[in-house]
Amino acid sequence: MSRYKGAWPLSKQRAHWLYDEVDVDSESQGALLHRVLFSDGIILEIPFKSVWIHTVPMRASDDAVWSKQIA
């Protein structure tokens, strides 16, 4: 884990998951790297070589209008 360099403008009291990304790890041949940025400036790095992807259908709650969105 590493800390954000420079002044951090967000709260440091409770860390929240801001965003994540997956890249090719330039230091390991064939490995991937999952990075997660938290609101307190911590960056979590998780190296991996394989992944399984499971899809889960979304269901609407009884009192909500549901629409499928793709990010």
PDB file of N, CA and C in Angstrom:
ATOM      1  N   MET A   1       0.840  -1.165   0.000  1.00  0.00           N
ATOM      2  CA  MET A   1       0.000   0.000   0.000  1.00  0.00           C
ATOM      3  C   MET A   1       0.889   1.233   0.000  1.00  0.00           C
ATOM      4  N   SER A   2       0.417   2.261  -0.645  1.00  0.00           N
ATOM      5  CA  SER A   2       1.167   3.507  -0.657  1.00  0.00           C
ATOM      6  C   SER A   2       0.226   4.663  -0.356  1.00  0.00           C
ATOM      7  N   ARG A   3       0.792   5.749   0.094  1.00  0.00           N
ATOM      8  CA  ARG A   3       0.010   6.951   0.402  1.00  0.00           C
ATOM      9  C   ARG A   3       0.102   7.930  -0.745  1.00  0.00           C
ATOM     10  N   TYR A   4      -0.975   8.653  -0.954  1.00  0.00           N
ATOM     11  CA  TYR A   4      -1.036   9.710  -1.958  1.00  0.00           C
ATOM     12  C   TYR A   4       0.018  10.756  -1.623  1.00  0.00           C
ATOM     13  N   LYS A   5       0.773  11.191  -2.585  1.00  0.00           N
ATOM     14  CA  LYS A   5       1.810  12.193  -2.371  1.00  0.00           C
ATOM     15  C   LYS A   5       1.204  13.591  -2.469  1.00  0.00           C
ATOM     16  N   GLY A   6       1.489  14.443  -1.517  1.00  0.00           N
ATOM     17  CA  GLY A   6       0.965  15.802  -1.537  1.00  0.00           C
ATOM     18  C   GLY A   6      -0.187  15.978  -0.569  1.00  0.00           C
ATOM     19  N   ALA A   7      -0.754  17.168  -0.529  1.00  0.00           N
ATOM     20  CA  ALA A   7      -1.864  17.462   0.364  1.00  0.00           C
ATOM     21  C   ALA A   7      -3.104  16.686  -0.068  1.00  0.00           C
ATOM     22  N   TRP A   8      -3.759  16.061   0.892  1.00  0.00           N
ATOM     23  CA  TRP A   8      -4.947  15.255   0.597  1.00  0.00           C
ATOM     24  C   TRP A   8      -6.183  16.030   1.035  1.00  0.00           C
ATOM     25  N   PRO A   9      -7.074  16.399   0.094  1.00  0.00           N
ATOM     26  CA  PRO A   9      -8.200  17.279   0.418  1.00  0.00           C
ATOM     27  C   PRO A   9      -9.410  16.587   1.048  1.00  0.00           C
ATOM     28  N   LEU A  10      -9.450  15.259   1.068  1.00  0.00           N
ATOM     29  CA  LEU A  10     -10.628  14.543   1.572  1.00  0.00           C
ATOM     30  C   LEU A  10     -10.434  14.090   3.014  1.00  0.00           C
ATOM     31  N   SER A  11     -11.505  13.685   3.659  1.00  0.00           N
ATOM     32  CA  SER A  11     -11.486  13.258   5.057  1.00  0.00           C
ATOM     33  C   SER A  11     -10.547  12.070   5.259  1.00  0.00           C
ATOM     34  N   LYS A  12      -9.838  12.090   6.393  1.00  0.00           N
ATOM     35  CA  LYS A  12      -8.955  10.974   6.750  1.00  0.00           C
ATOM     36  C   LYS A  12      -9.546  10.138   7.883  1.00  0.00           C
ATOM     37  N   GLN A  13     -10.752  10.510   8.374  1.00  0.00           N
ATOM     38  CA  GLN A  13     -11.338   9.806   9.508  1.00  0.00           C
ATOM     39  C   GLN A  13     -11.921   8.454   9.116  1.00  0.00           C
ATOM     40  N   ARG A  14     -12.660   8.387   8.022  1.00  0.00           N
ATOM     41  CA  ARG A  14     -13.238   7.123   7.561  1.00  0.00           C
ATOM     42  C   ARG A  14     -12.869   6.943   6.100  1.00  0.00           C
ATOM     43  N   ALA A  15     -12.227   5.857   5.810  1.00  0.00           N
ATOM     44  CA  ALA A  15     -11.814   5.609   4.426  1.00  0.00           C
ATOM     45  C   ALA A  15     -12.995   5.058   3.625  1.00  0.00           C
ATOM     46  N   HIS A  16     -13.179   5.598   2.429  1.00  0.00           N
ATOM     47  CA  HIS A  16     -14.205   5.129   1.505  1.00  0.00           C
ATOM     48  C   HIS A  16     -13.521   4.721   0.206  1.00  0.00           C
ATOM     49  N   TRP A  17     -14.025   3.672  -0.412  1.00  0.00           N
ATOM     50  CA  TRP A  17     -13.515   3.199  -1.698  1.00  0.00           C
ATOM     51  C   TRP A  17     -13.940   4.212  -2.748  1.00  0.00           C
ATOM     52  N   LEU A  18     -12.983   4.915  -3.379  1.00  0.00           N
ATOM     53  CA  LEU A  18     -13.322   5.911  -4.384  1.00  0.00           C
ATOM     54  C   LEU A  18     -13.411   5.306  -5.773  1.00  0.00           C
ATOM     55  N   TYR A  19     -12.360   4.612  -6.190  1.00  0.00           N
ATOM     56  CA  TYR A  19     -12.406   3.954  -7.490  1.00  0.00           C
ATOM     57  C   TYR A  19     -11.311   2.906  -7.548  1.00  0.00           C
ATOM     58  N   ASP A  20     -11.397   2.067  -8.568  1.00  0.00           N
ATOM     59  CA  ASP A  20     -10.360   1.057  -8.766  1.00  0.00           C
ATOM     60  C   ASP A  20     -10.089   0.900 -10.245  1.00  0.00           C
ATOM     61  N   GLU A  21      -8.946   0.296 -10.544  1.00  0.00           N
ATOM     62  CA  GLU A  21      -8.556   0.070 -11.937  1.00  0.00           C
ATOM     63  C   GLU A  21      -7.695  -1.183 -12.012  1.00  0.00           C
ATOM     64  N   VAL A  22      -7.660  -1.780 -13.185  1.00  0.00           N
ATOM     65  CA  VAL A  22      -6.833  -2.958 -13.427  1.00  0.00           C
ATOM     66  C   VAL A  22      -5.892  -2.624 -14.572  1.00  0.00           C
ATOM     67  N   ASP A  23      -4.599  -2.889 -14.362  1.00  0.00           N
ATOM     68  CA  ASP A  23      -3.567  -2.618 -15.360  1.00  0.00           C
ATOM     69  C   ASP A  23      -2.674  -3.827 -15.522  1.00  0.00           C
ATOM     70  N   VAL A  24      -1.891  -3.815 -16.590  1.00  0.00           N
ATOM     71  CA  VAL A  24      -0.819  -4.785 -16.755  1.00  0.00           C
ATOM     72  C   VAL A  24       0.319  -4.345 -15.850  1.00  0.00           C
ATOM     73  N   ASP A  25       0.841  -5.246 -15.042  1.00  0.00           N
ATOM     74  CA  ASP A  25       1.938  -4.936 -14.123  1.00  0.00           C
ATOM     75  C   ASP A  25       3.240  -4.896 -14.909  1.00  0.00           C
ATOM     76  N   SER A  26       3.834  -3.733 -15.011  1.00  0.00           N
ATOM     77  CA  SER A  26       5.056  -3.568 -15.806  1.00  0.00           C
ATOM     78  C   SER A  26       6.261  -4.245 -15.168  1.00  0.00           C
ATOM     79  N   GLU A  27       6.176  -4.573 -13.879  1.00  0.00           N
ATOM     80  CA  GLU A  27       7.307  -5.199 -13.187  1.00  0.00           C
ATOM     81  C   GLU A  27       7.258  -6.725 -13.208  1.00  0.00           C
ATOM     82  N   SER A  28       6.121  -7.311 -13.517  1.00  0.00           N
ATOM     83  CA  SER A  28       5.979  -8.771 -13.550  1.00  0.00           C
ATOM     84  C   SER A  28       5.422  -9.191 -14.892  1.00  0.00           C
ATOM     85  N   GLN A  29       6.150 -10.043 -15.571  1.00  0.00           N
ATOM     86  CA  GLN A  29       5.724 -10.495 -16.896  1.00  0.00           C
ATOM     87  C   GLN A  29       4.435 -11.302 -16.808  1.00  0.00           C
ATOM     88  N   GLY A  30       3.405 -10.845 -17.522  1.00  0.00           N
ATOM     89  CA  GLY A  30       2.140 -11.562 -17.587  1.00  0.00           C
ATOM     90  C   GLY A  30       1.205 -11.330 -16.409  1.00  0.00           C
ATOM     91  N   ALA A  31       1.620 -10.546 -15.431  1.00  0.00           N
ATOM     92  CA  ALA A  31       0.770 -10.313 -14.262  1.00  0.00           C
ATOM     93  C   ALA A  31      -0.078  -9.066 -14.459  1.00  0.00           C
ATOM     94  N   LEU A  32      -1.189  -9.036 -13.746  1.00  0.00           N
ATOM     95  CA  LEU A  32      -2.070  -7.865 -13.747  1.00  0.00           C
ATOM     96  C   LEU A  32      -2.023  -7.239 -12.360  1.00  0.00           C
ATOM     97  N   LEU A  33      -2.463  -5.989 -12.275  1.00  0.00           N
ATOM     98  CA  LEU A  33      -2.424  -5.271 -11.010  1.00  0.00           C
ATOM     99  C   LEU A  33      -3.741  -4.538 -10.805  1.00  0.00           C
ATOM    100  N   HIS A  34      -4.422  -4.855  -9.700  1.00  0.00           N
ATOM    101  CA  HIS A  34      -5.674  -4.188  -9.338  1.00  0.00           C
ATOM    102  C   HIS A  34      -5.326  -3.120  -8.307  1.00  0.00           C
ATOM    103  N   ARG A  35      -5.607  -1.857  -8.630  1.00  0.00           N
ATOM    104  CA  ARG A  35      -5.335  -0.749  -7.711  1.00  0.00           C
ATOM    105  C   ARG A  35      -6.655  -0.168  -7.226  1.00  0.00           C
ATOM    106  N   VAL A  36      -6.725   0.110  -5.917  1.00  0.00           N
ATOM    107  CA  VAL A  36      -7.909   0.703  -5.314  1.00  0.00           C
ATOM    108  C   VAL A  36      -7.478   1.981  -4.599  1.00  0.00           C
ATOM    109  N   LEU A  37      -8.140   3.112  -4.916  1.00  0.00           N
ATOM    110  CA  LEU A  37      -7.870   4.379  -4.243  1.00  0.00           C
ATOM    111  C   LEU A  37      -8.931   4.602  -3.181  1.00  0.00           C
ATOM    112  N   PHE A  38      -8.486   4.830  -1.940  1.00  0.00           N
ATOM    113  CA  PHE A  38      -9.382   5.121  -0.835  1.00  0.00           C
ATOM    114  C   PHE A  38      -9.362   6.617  -0.528  1.00  0.00           C
ATOM    115  N   SER A  39     -10.413   7.105   0.130  1.00  0.00           N
ATOM    116  CA  SER A  39     -10.568   8.530   0.386  1.00  0.00           C
ATOM    117  C   SER A  39      -9.518   9.104   1.327  1.00  0.00           C
ATOM    118  N   ASP A  40      -8.810   8.258   2.064  1.00  0.00           N
ATOM    119  CA  ASP A  40      -7.756   8.757   2.950  1.00  0.00           C
ATOM    120  C   ASP A  40      -6.396   8.810   2.266  1.00  0.00           C
ATOM    121  N   GLY A  41      -6.377   8.545   0.958  1.00  0.00           N
ATOM    122  CA  GLY A  41      -5.139   8.624   0.186  1.00  0.00           C
ATOM    123  C   GLY A  41      -4.398   7.318   0.038  1.00  0.00           C
ATOM    124  N   ILE A  42      -4.839   6.267   0.706  1.00  0.00           N
ATOM    125  CA  ILE A  42      -4.175   4.970   0.589  1.00  0.00           C
ATOM    126  C   ILE A  42      -4.526   4.336  -0.750  1.00  0.00           C
ATOM    127  N   ILE A  43      -3.522   3.770  -1.403  1.00  0.00           N
ATOM    128  CA  ILE A  43      -3.717   3.027  -2.644  1.00  0.00           C
ATOM    129  C   ILE A  43      -3.355   1.571  -2.356  1.00  0.00           C
ATOM    130  N   LEU A  44      -4.333   0.702  -2.493  1.00  0.00           N
ATOM    131  CA  LEU A  44      -4.126  -0.726  -2.290  1.00  0.00           C
ATOM    132  C   LEU A  44      -3.811  -1.347  -3.643  1.00  0.00           C
ATOM    133  N   GLU A  45      -2.706  -2.105  -3.720  1.00  0.00           N
ATOM    134  CA  GLU A  45      -2.315  -2.766  -4.973  1.00  0.00           C
ATOM    135  C   GLU A  45      -2.361  -4.270  -4.774  1.00  0.00           C
ATOM    136  N   ILE A  46      -3.116  -4.958  -5.650  1.00  0.00           N
ATOM    137  CA  ILE A  46      -3.293  -6.401  -5.558  1.00  0.00           C
ATOM    138  C   ILE A  46      -2.832  -7.032  -6.873  1.00  0.00           C
ATOM    139  N   PRO A  47      -1.653  -7.674  -6.896  1.00  0.00           N
ATOM    140  CA  PRO A  47      -1.203  -8.341  -8.120  1.00  0.00           C
ATOM    141  C   PRO A  47      -1.917  -9.685  -8.292  1.00  0.00           C
ATOM    142  N   PHE A  48      -2.192 -10.053  -9.555  1.00  0.00           N
ATOM    143  CA  PHE A  48      -2.797 -11.352  -9.831  1.00  0.00           C
ATOM    144  C   PHE A  48      -2.458 -11.784 -11.256  1.00  0.00           C
ATOM    145  N   LYS A  49      -2.595 -13.087 -11.524  1.00  0.00           N
ATOM    146  CA  LYS A  49      -2.255 -13.635 -12.842  1.00  0.00           C
ATOM    147  C   LYS A  49      -3.449 -14.206 -13.571  1.00  0.00           C
ATOM    148  N   SER A  50      -4.523 -14.513 -12.863  1.00  0.00           N
ATOM    149  CA  SER A  50      -5.722 -15.033 -13.529  1.00  0.00           C
ATOM    150  C   SER A  50      -6.955 -14.498 -12.821  1.00  0.00           C
ATOM    151  N   VAL A  51      -8.084 -14.570 -13.525  1.00  0.00           N
ATOM    152  CA  VAL A  51      -9.318 -14.046 -12.962  1.00  0.00           C
ATOM    153  C   VAL A  51     -10.505 -14.849 -13.484  1.00  0.00           C
ATOM    154  N   TRP A  52     -11.529 -15.003 -12.652  1.00  0.00           N
ATOM    155  CA  TRP A  52     -12.808 -15.574 -13.064  1.00  0.00           C
ATOM    156  C   TRP A  52     -13.820 -14.457 -13.009  1.00  0.00           C
ATOM    157  N   ILE A  53     -14.655 -14.363 -13.994  1.00  0.00           N
ATOM    158  CA  ILE A  53     -15.682 -13.335 -14.021  1.00  0.00           C
ATOM    159  C   ILE A  53     -17.038 -14.007 -13.907  1.00  0.00           C
ATOM    160  N   HIS A  54     -17.789 -13.628 -12.903  1.00  0.00           N
ATOM    161  CA  HIS A  54     -19.142 -14.148 -12.688  1.00  0.00           C
ATOM    162  C   HIS A  54     -20.118 -13.004 -12.893  1.00  0.00           C
ATOM    163  N   THR A  55     -21.158 -13.249 -13.657  1.00  0.00           N
ATOM    164  CA  THR A  55     -22.188 -12.228 -13.833  1.00  0.00           C
ATOM    165  C   THR A  55     -23.392 -12.590 -12.976  1.00  0.00           C
ATOM    166  N   VAL A  56     -23.990 -11.581 -12.389  1.00  0.00           N
ATOM    167  CA  VAL A  56     -25.145 -11.766 -11.522  1.00  0.00           C
ATOM    168  C   VAL A  56     -26.246 -10.851 -12.022  1.00  0.00           C
ATOM    169  N   PRO A  57     -27.410 -11.407 -12.359  1.00  0.00           N
ATOM    170  CA  PRO A  57     -28.504 -10.549 -12.826  1.00  0.00           C
ATOM    171  C   PRO A  57     -29.000  -9.643 -11.705  1.00  0.00           C
ATOM    172  N   MET A  58     -29.381  -8.424 -12.070  1.00  0.00           N
ATOM    173  CA  MET A  58     -29.912  -7.476 -11.092  1.00  0.00           C
ATOM    174  C   MET A  58     -31.429  -7.564 -11.079  1.00  0.00           C
ATOM    175  N   ARG A  59     -32.006  -7.511  -9.878  1.00  0.00           N
ATOM    176  CA  ARG A  59     -33.452  -7.523  -9.735  1.00  0.00           C
ATOM    177  C   ARG A  59     -33.892  -6.208  -9.125  1.00  0.00           C
ATOM    178  N   ALA A  60     -35.043  -5.732  -9.539  1.00  0.00           N
ATOM    179  CA  ALA A  60     -35.593  -4.499  -8.980  1.00  0.00           C
ATOM    180  C   ALA A  60     -36.256  -4.797  -7.641  1.00  0.00           C
ATOM    181  N   SER A  61     -36.172  -3.846  -6.733  1.00  0.00           N
ATOM    182  CA  SER A  61     -36.921  -3.984  -5.482  1.00  0.00           C
ATOM    183  C   SER A  61     -38.397  -3.717  -5.785  1.00  0.00           C
ATOM    184  N   ASP A  62     -39.250  -4.095  -4.889  1.00  0.00           N
ATOM    185  CA  ASP A  62     -40.695  -3.968  -5.105  1.00  0.00           C
ATOM    186  C   ASP A  62     -41.152  -2.526  -5.280  1.00  0.00           C
ATOM    187  N   ASP A  63     -40.481  -1.573  -4.641  1.00  0.00           N
ATOM    188  CA  ASP A  63     -40.929  -0.187  -4.680  1.00  0.00           C
ATOM    189  C   ASP A  63     -40.053   0.720  -5.545  1.00  0.00           C
ATOM    190  N   ALA A  64     -39.220   0.150  -6.385  1.00  0.00           N
ATOM    191  CA  ALA A  64     -38.328   0.979  -7.208  1.00  0.00           C
ATOM    192  C   ALA A  64     -38.525   0.666  -8.677  1.00  0.00           C
ATOM    193  N   VAL A  65     -38.338   1.670  -9.482  1.00  0.00           N
ATOM    194  CA  VAL A  65     -38.352   1.481 -10.937  1.00  0.00           C
ATOM    195  C   VAL A  65     -36.940   1.076 -11.320  1.00  0.00           C
ATOM    196  N   TRP A  66     -36.807  -0.010 -12.068  1.00  0.00           N
ATOM    197  CA  TRP A  66     -35.509  -0.562 -12.380  1.00  0.00           C
ATOM    198  C   TRP A  66     -35.177  -0.329 -13.836  1.00  0.00           C
ATOM    199  N   SER A  67     -33.951   0.042 -14.081  1.00  0.00           N
ATOM    200  CA  SER A  67     -33.449   0.114 -15.445  1.00  0.00           C
ATOM    201  C   SER A  67     -32.039  -0.419 -15.460  1.00  0.00           C
ATOM    202  N   LYS A  68     -31.702  -1.164 -16.463  1.00  0.00           N
ATOM    203  CA  LYS A  68     -30.366  -1.738 -16.568  1.00  0.00           C
ATOM    204  C   LYS A  68     -29.425  -0.676 -17.102  1.00  0.00           C
ATOM    205  N   GLN A  69     -28.334  -0.485 -16.429  1.00  0.00           N
ATOM    206  CA  GLN A  69     -27.326   0.489 -16.845  1.00  0.00           C
ATOM    207  C   GLN A  69     -25.991  -0.197 -16.940  1.00  0.00           C
ATOM    208  N   ILE A  70     -25.219   0.194 -17.929  1.00  0.00           N
ATOM    209  CA  ILE A  70     -23.871  -0.336 -18.091  1.00  0.00           C
ATOM    210  C   ILE A  70     -22.910   0.834 -17.921  1.00  0.00           C
ATOM    211  N   ALA A  71     -21.976   0.677 -16.999  1.00  0.00           N
ATOM    212  CA  ALA A  71     -21.009   1.755 -16.744  1.00  0.00           C
ATOM    213  C   ALA A  71     -19.845   1.650 -17.690  1.00  0.00           C
TER     214      ALA A  71
END
